[in-house]
């Protein structure tokens, strides 16, 4: 079975987020690796928004494929050496293959996910 998901968000929703002030929200949604990456960039909001979109898109793509939906913090969006994003599903023992694409401009971030159960 093959499913897709997509999400779009306003980057402004993630502006002015800091690890000190917004730790409860950030730690509920993102992994330590994701936060390290996002806050290492000069404009973290774009990267936070794109990863949030990716997590939403993955959840939509997984709907009906898995018995138990993962928490957002169990959907980790990382980058390969060539810069391409990939999904690392934590605490999931199902054989699921997921591809993801992220994009952002000044105001919006978008992500598309395709999931297949093997």
N, C-alpha and C. Protein backbone atom coordinates (compact mmCIF):
# COMPACT_ATOMS: atom_id res chain seq x y z
N UNK A 1 0.84 -1.18 0.00
CA UNK A 1 0.00 0.00 0.00
C UNK A 1 0.88 1.24 0.00
N UNK A 2 0.48 2.26 -0.75
CA UNK A 2 1.23 3.49 -0.93
C UNK A 2 0.32 4.67 -0.59
N UNK A 3 0.82 5.60 0.22
CA UNK A 3 0.02 6.78 0.59
C UNK A 3 0.90 8.02 0.57
N UNK A 4 0.27 9.18 0.41
CA UNK A 4 0.98 10.45 0.38
C UNK A 4 0.39 11.42 1.40
N UNK A 5 1.18 12.41 1.75
CA UNK A 5 0.73 13.47 2.64
C UNK A 5 1.45 14.76 2.29
N UNK A 6 0.81 15.87 2.53
CA UNK A 6 1.41 17.18 2.25
C UNK A 6 0.98 18.15 3.34
N UNK A 7 1.83 19.16 3.60
CA UNK A 7 1.47 20.19 4.56
C UNK A 7 2.18 21.48 4.18
N UNK A 8 1.55 22.60 4.51
CA UNK A 8 2.12 23.93 4.29
C UNK A 8 1.87 24.75 5.55
N UNK A 9 2.87 25.56 5.93
CA UNK A 9 2.77 26.37 7.15
C UNK A 9 3.35 27.75 6.90
N UNK A 10 2.86 28.72 7.66
CA UNK A 10 3.45 30.05 7.68
C UNK A 10 4.72 30.01 8.54
N UNK A 11 5.81 30.47 7.99
CA UNK A 11 7.06 30.50 8.74
C UNK A 11 6.94 31.43 9.94
N UNK A 12 6.13 32.46 9.83
CA UNK A 12 5.97 33.42 10.94
C UNK A 12 5.51 32.74 12.22
N UNK A 13 4.85 31.62 12.09
CA UNK A 13 4.39 30.85 13.26
C UNK A 13 5.57 30.36 14.12
N UNK A 14 6.75 30.27 13.50
CA UNK A 14 7.92 29.74 14.18
C UNK A 14 8.97 30.80 14.47
N UNK A 15 8.67 32.04 14.09
CA UNK A 15 9.60 33.15 14.37
C UNK A 15 9.71 33.37 15.87
N UNK A 16 10.86 33.79 16.29
CA UNK A 16 11.14 34.14 17.69
C UNK A 16 11.03 32.96 18.66
N UNK A 17 11.02 31.75 18.16
CA UNK A 17 11.07 30.58 19.05
C UNK A 17 12.51 30.43 19.52
N UNK A 18 12.68 30.21 20.80
CA UNK A 18 14.01 29.96 21.35
C UNK A 18 13.98 28.67 22.16
N UNK A 19 15.13 28.05 22.27
CA UNK A 19 15.20 26.81 23.02
C UNK A 19 14.97 27.04 24.51
N UNK A 20 15.27 28.22 24.98
CA UNK A 20 15.05 28.52 26.40
C UNK A 20 13.57 28.81 26.68
N UNK A 21 13.01 29.72 25.92
CA UNK A 21 11.64 30.18 26.16
C UNK A 21 10.58 29.16 25.71
N UNK A 22 10.86 28.43 24.66
CA UNK A 22 9.85 27.53 24.06
C UNK A 22 10.23 26.06 24.17
N UNK A 23 10.99 25.70 25.17
CA UNK A 23 11.50 24.33 25.28
C UNK A 23 10.38 23.29 25.36
N UNK A 24 9.30 23.58 26.04
CA UNK A 24 8.22 22.59 26.15
C UNK A 24 7.65 22.24 24.77
N UNK A 25 7.31 23.25 24.00
CA UNK A 25 6.79 23.03 22.64
C UNK A 25 7.84 22.35 21.77
N UNK A 26 9.04 22.91 21.72
CA UNK A 26 10.08 22.39 20.84
C UNK A 26 10.45 20.95 21.14
N UNK A 27 10.58 20.61 22.41
CA UNK A 27 10.95 19.24 22.78
C UNK A 27 9.82 18.24 22.58
N UNK A 28 8.60 18.71 22.54
CA UNK A 28 7.46 17.83 22.26
C UNK A 28 7.38 17.49 20.77
N UNK A 29 7.87 18.39 19.92
CA UNK A 29 7.76 18.23 18.47
C UNK A 29 9.05 17.71 17.83
N UNK A 30 10.18 18.25 18.23
CA UNK A 30 11.44 18.00 17.54
C UNK A 30 12.39 17.13 18.38
N UNK A 31 13.29 16.44 17.66
CA UNK A 31 14.34 15.68 18.35
C UNK A 31 15.53 16.61 18.62
N UNK A 32 16.44 16.15 19.44
CA UNK A 32 17.64 16.94 19.74
C UNK A 32 18.45 17.20 18.48
N UNK A 33 18.54 16.20 17.61
CA UNK A 33 19.28 16.38 16.35
C UNK A 33 18.64 17.45 15.47
N UNK A 34 17.31 17.46 15.41
CA UNK A 34 16.61 18.46 14.60
C UNK A 34 16.81 19.86 15.17
N UNK A 35 16.69 19.99 16.48
CA UNK A 35 16.87 21.30 17.11
C UNK A 35 18.30 21.81 16.91
N UNK A 36 19.26 20.93 17.04
CA UNK A 36 20.66 21.32 16.83
C UNK A 36 20.84 21.85 15.41
N UNK A 37 20.27 21.15 14.43
CA UNK A 37 20.38 21.59 13.04
C UNK A 37 19.66 22.93 12.83
N UNK A 38 18.41 23.02 13.25
CA UNK A 38 17.61 24.22 13.00
C UNK A 38 18.25 25.47 13.62
N UNK A 39 18.69 25.35 14.87
CA UNK A 39 19.24 26.51 15.56
C UNK A 39 20.69 26.80 15.19
N UNK A 40 21.30 25.94 14.38
CA UNK A 40 22.65 26.23 13.87
C UNK A 40 22.58 27.10 12.62
N UNK A 41 21.39 27.32 12.09
CA UNK A 41 21.20 28.14 10.90
C UNK A 41 20.88 29.58 11.29
N UNK A 42 21.16 30.51 10.39
CA UNK A 42 20.95 31.93 10.68
C UNK A 42 19.47 32.29 10.79
N UNK A 43 18.59 31.50 10.19
CA UNK A 43 17.15 31.75 10.27
C UNK A 43 16.44 30.46 10.67
N UNK A 44 16.47 30.10 11.95
CA UNK A 44 15.92 28.83 12.41
C UNK A 44 14.44 28.62 12.08
N UNK A 45 13.66 29.69 12.02
CA UNK A 45 12.21 29.55 11.80
C UNK A 45 11.90 28.81 10.50
N UNK A 46 12.65 29.08 9.44
CA UNK A 46 12.43 28.40 8.15
C UNK A 46 12.62 26.89 8.30
N UNK A 47 13.64 26.52 9.03
CA UNK A 47 13.97 25.10 9.19
C UNK A 47 13.01 24.41 10.16
N UNK A 48 12.62 25.12 11.21
CA UNK A 48 11.61 24.57 12.13
C UNK A 48 10.29 24.35 11.40
N UNK A 49 9.89 25.35 10.60
CA UNK A 49 8.62 25.25 9.87
C UNK A 49 8.66 24.11 8.85
N UNK A 50 9.76 23.98 8.12
CA UNK A 50 9.87 22.92 7.11
C UNK A 50 9.81 21.54 7.77
N UNK A 51 10.48 21.38 8.90
CA UNK A 51 10.44 20.09 9.58
C UNK A 51 9.07 19.81 10.19
N UNK A 52 8.40 20.85 10.68
CA UNK A 52 7.04 20.66 11.18
C UNK A 52 6.14 20.20 10.04
N UNK A 53 6.25 20.83 8.88
CA UNK A 53 5.48 20.42 7.71
C UNK A 53 5.76 18.96 7.35
N UNK A 54 7.03 18.60 7.39
CA UNK A 54 7.40 17.23 7.04
C UNK A 54 6.76 16.24 8.02
N UNK A 55 6.76 16.56 9.29
CA UNK A 55 6.15 15.67 10.28
C UNK A 55 4.64 15.54 10.03
N UNK A 56 3.99 16.66 9.73
CA UNK A 56 2.55 16.63 9.40
C UNK A 56 2.31 15.79 8.15
N UNK A 57 3.13 15.97 7.13
CA UNK A 57 2.99 15.21 5.89
C UNK A 57 3.20 13.72 6.14
N UNK A 58 4.18 13.38 6.96
CA UNK A 58 4.44 11.97 7.30
C UNK A 58 3.24 11.37 8.04
N UNK A 59 2.69 12.09 8.99
CA UNK A 59 1.52 11.59 9.73
C UNK A 59 0.37 11.32 8.77
N UNK A 60 0.14 12.23 7.85
CA UNK A 60 -0.94 12.04 6.86
C UNK A 60 -0.66 10.84 5.97
N UNK A 61 0.60 10.66 5.56
CA UNK A 61 0.96 9.54 4.70
C UNK A 61 0.87 8.20 5.45
N UNK A 62 1.12 8.22 6.75
CA UNK A 62 1.08 6.98 7.55
C UNK A 62 -0.34 6.57 7.94
N UNK A 63 -1.28 7.48 7.79
CA UNK A 63 -2.66 7.18 8.18
C UNK A 63 -3.16 5.94 7.44
N UNK A 64 -3.47 4.92 8.18
CA UNK A 64 -3.96 3.68 7.60
C UNK A 64 -2.86 2.66 7.30
N UNK A 65 -1.60 3.08 7.40
CA UNK A 65 -0.49 2.15 7.14
C UNK A 65 0.08 1.53 8.41
N UNK A 66 -0.03 2.25 9.52
CA UNK A 66 0.53 1.76 10.78
C UNK A 66 -0.56 1.57 11.81
N UNK A 67 -0.30 0.66 12.73
CA UNK A 67 -1.27 0.38 13.80
C UNK A 67 -1.34 1.51 14.80
N UNK A 68 -0.17 2.07 15.14
CA UNK A 68 -0.10 3.15 16.11
C UNK A 68 0.67 4.32 15.50
N UNK A 69 0.02 5.47 15.46
CA UNK A 69 0.65 6.66 14.87
C UNK A 69 1.80 7.12 15.78
N UNK A 70 2.92 7.48 15.18
CA UNK A 70 4.05 7.96 15.98
C UNK A 70 3.80 9.37 16.51
N UNK A 71 4.46 9.68 17.61
CA UNK A 71 4.45 11.05 18.13
C UNK A 71 5.32 11.89 17.19
N UNK A 72 5.09 13.19 17.20
CA UNK A 72 5.90 14.07 16.35
C UNK A 72 7.39 13.93 16.65
N UNK A 73 7.72 13.78 17.92
CA UNK A 73 9.14 13.65 18.30
C UNK A 73 9.72 12.30 17.89
N UNK A 74 8.89 11.37 17.43
CA UNK A 74 9.37 10.08 16.91
C UNK A 74 9.52 10.10 15.39
N UNK A 75 9.20 11.22 14.78
CA UNK A 75 9.41 11.40 13.34
C UNK A 75 10.56 12.39 13.21
N UNK A 76 11.72 11.87 12.87
CA UNK A 76 12.91 12.71 12.81
C UNK A 76 13.25 13.00 11.35
N UNK A 77 13.39 14.28 11.04
CA UNK A 77 13.73 14.71 9.68
C UNK A 77 15.18 15.16 9.70
N UNK A 78 16.02 14.39 9.03
CA UNK A 78 17.45 14.66 9.00
C UNK A 78 17.89 14.91 7.56
N UNK A 79 19.18 15.22 7.38
CA UNK A 79 19.72 15.46 6.04
C UNK A 79 20.84 14.48 5.77
N UNK A 80 20.85 13.97 4.54
CA UNK A 80 21.96 13.13 4.08
C UNK A 80 23.15 14.03 3.80
N UNK A 81 24.31 13.42 3.55
CA UNK A 81 25.51 14.20 3.24
C UNK A 81 25.32 15.10 2.03
N UNK A 82 24.48 14.65 1.08
CA UNK A 82 24.25 15.46 -0.13
C UNK A 82 23.19 16.54 0.08
N UNK A 83 22.65 16.65 1.30
CA UNK A 83 21.66 17.68 1.61
C UNK A 83 20.21 17.24 1.48
N UNK A 84 19.98 16.06 0.92
CA UNK A 84 18.61 15.56 0.75
C UNK A 84 18.01 15.16 2.10
N UNK A 85 16.76 15.54 2.34
CA UNK A 85 16.14 15.16 3.61
C UNK A 85 15.73 13.69 3.61
N UNK A 86 15.71 13.11 4.80
CA UNK A 86 15.20 11.75 4.95
C UNK A 86 14.50 11.63 6.30
N UNK A 87 13.65 10.61 6.40
CA UNK A 87 12.85 10.39 7.61
C UNK A 87 13.44 9.23 8.39
N UNK A 88 13.66 9.46 9.67
CA UNK A 88 14.06 8.42 10.59
C UNK A 88 12.89 8.23 11.56
N UNK A 89 12.18 7.10 11.44
CA UNK A 89 11.07 6.81 12.34
C UNK A 89 11.61 6.14 13.59
N UNK A 90 11.50 6.81 14.71
CA UNK A 90 11.97 6.27 15.98
C UNK A 90 10.84 5.49 16.66
N UNK A 91 11.19 4.46 17.39
CA UNK A 91 10.21 3.66 18.15
C UNK A 91 9.11 3.09 17.28
N UNK A 92 9.46 2.73 16.06
CA UNK A 92 8.49 2.13 15.14
C UNK A 92 9.10 0.84 14.62
N UNK A 93 8.41 -0.27 14.86
CA UNK A 93 8.95 -1.56 14.42
C UNK A 93 8.26 -2.07 13.16
N UNK A 94 7.49 -1.22 12.50
CA UNK A 94 6.84 -1.63 11.26
C UNK A 94 7.75 -1.33 10.08
N UNK A 95 7.64 -2.13 9.03
CA UNK A 95 8.50 -1.99 7.86
C UNK A 95 7.88 -0.96 6.90
N UNK A 96 8.21 0.30 7.14
CA UNK A 96 7.65 1.41 6.37
C UNK A 96 8.79 2.15 5.68
N UNK A 97 8.61 2.45 4.42
CA UNK A 97 9.57 3.24 3.66
C UNK A 97 8.93 4.60 3.38
N UNK A 98 9.65 5.68 3.72
CA UNK A 98 9.11 7.03 3.56
C UNK A 98 10.10 7.90 2.81
N UNK A 99 9.60 8.61 1.81
CA UNK A 99 10.38 9.64 1.11
C UNK A 99 9.75 10.98 1.43
N UNK A 100 10.59 11.99 1.54
CA UNK A 100 10.09 13.31 1.91
C UNK A 100 10.82 14.39 1.12
N UNK A 101 10.09 15.46 0.81
CA UNK A 101 10.66 16.62 0.14
C UNK A 101 10.21 17.87 0.89
N UNK A 102 11.15 18.78 1.14
CA UNK A 102 10.87 20.02 1.88
C UNK A 102 11.21 21.23 1.01
N UNK A 103 10.50 22.31 1.23
CA UNK A 103 10.84 23.56 0.57
C UNK A 103 10.34 24.73 1.41
N UNK A 104 10.99 25.87 1.27
CA UNK A 104 10.52 27.08 1.94
C UNK A 104 10.97 28.30 1.16
N UNK A 105 10.21 29.38 1.34
CA UNK A 105 10.59 30.67 0.80
C UNK A 105 10.56 31.66 1.96
N UNK A 106 10.29 32.91 1.71
CA UNK A 106 10.28 33.90 2.80
C UNK A 106 9.12 33.72 3.76
N UNK A 107 7.97 33.30 3.27
CA UNK A 107 6.77 33.27 4.10
C UNK A 107 6.21 31.89 4.39
N UNK A 108 6.43 30.92 3.51
CA UNK A 108 5.81 29.61 3.64
C UNK A 108 6.84 28.49 3.61
N UNK A 109 6.49 27.41 4.28
CA UNK A 109 7.25 26.16 4.19
C UNK A 109 6.26 25.08 3.77
N UNK A 110 6.75 24.12 3.01
CA UNK A 110 5.89 23.05 2.52
C UNK A 110 6.68 21.74 2.54
N UNK A 111 5.97 20.64 2.73
CA UNK A 111 6.61 19.33 2.67
C UNK A 111 5.63 18.32 2.07
N UNK A 112 6.20 17.37 1.38
CA UNK A 112 5.46 16.28 0.75
C UNK A 112 6.09 14.99 1.22
N UNK A 113 5.27 14.01 1.60
CA UNK A 113 5.77 12.70 2.03
C UNK A 113 5.03 11.61 1.29
N UNK A 114 5.77 10.58 0.93
CA UNK A 114 5.20 9.37 0.33
C UNK A 114 5.64 8.19 1.19
N UNK A 115 4.68 7.37 1.60
CA UNK A 115 4.98 6.23 2.48
C UNK A 115 4.47 4.95 1.83
N UNK A 116 5.25 3.91 2.03
CA UNK A 116 4.86 2.59 1.50
C UNK A 116 5.16 1.55 2.57
N UNK A 117 4.19 0.69 2.78
CA UNK A 117 4.38 -0.42 3.72
C UNK A 117 4.88 -1.61 2.93
N UNK A 118 6.01 -2.16 3.38
CA UNK A 118 6.62 -3.30 2.69
C UNK A 118 6.16 -4.62 3.29
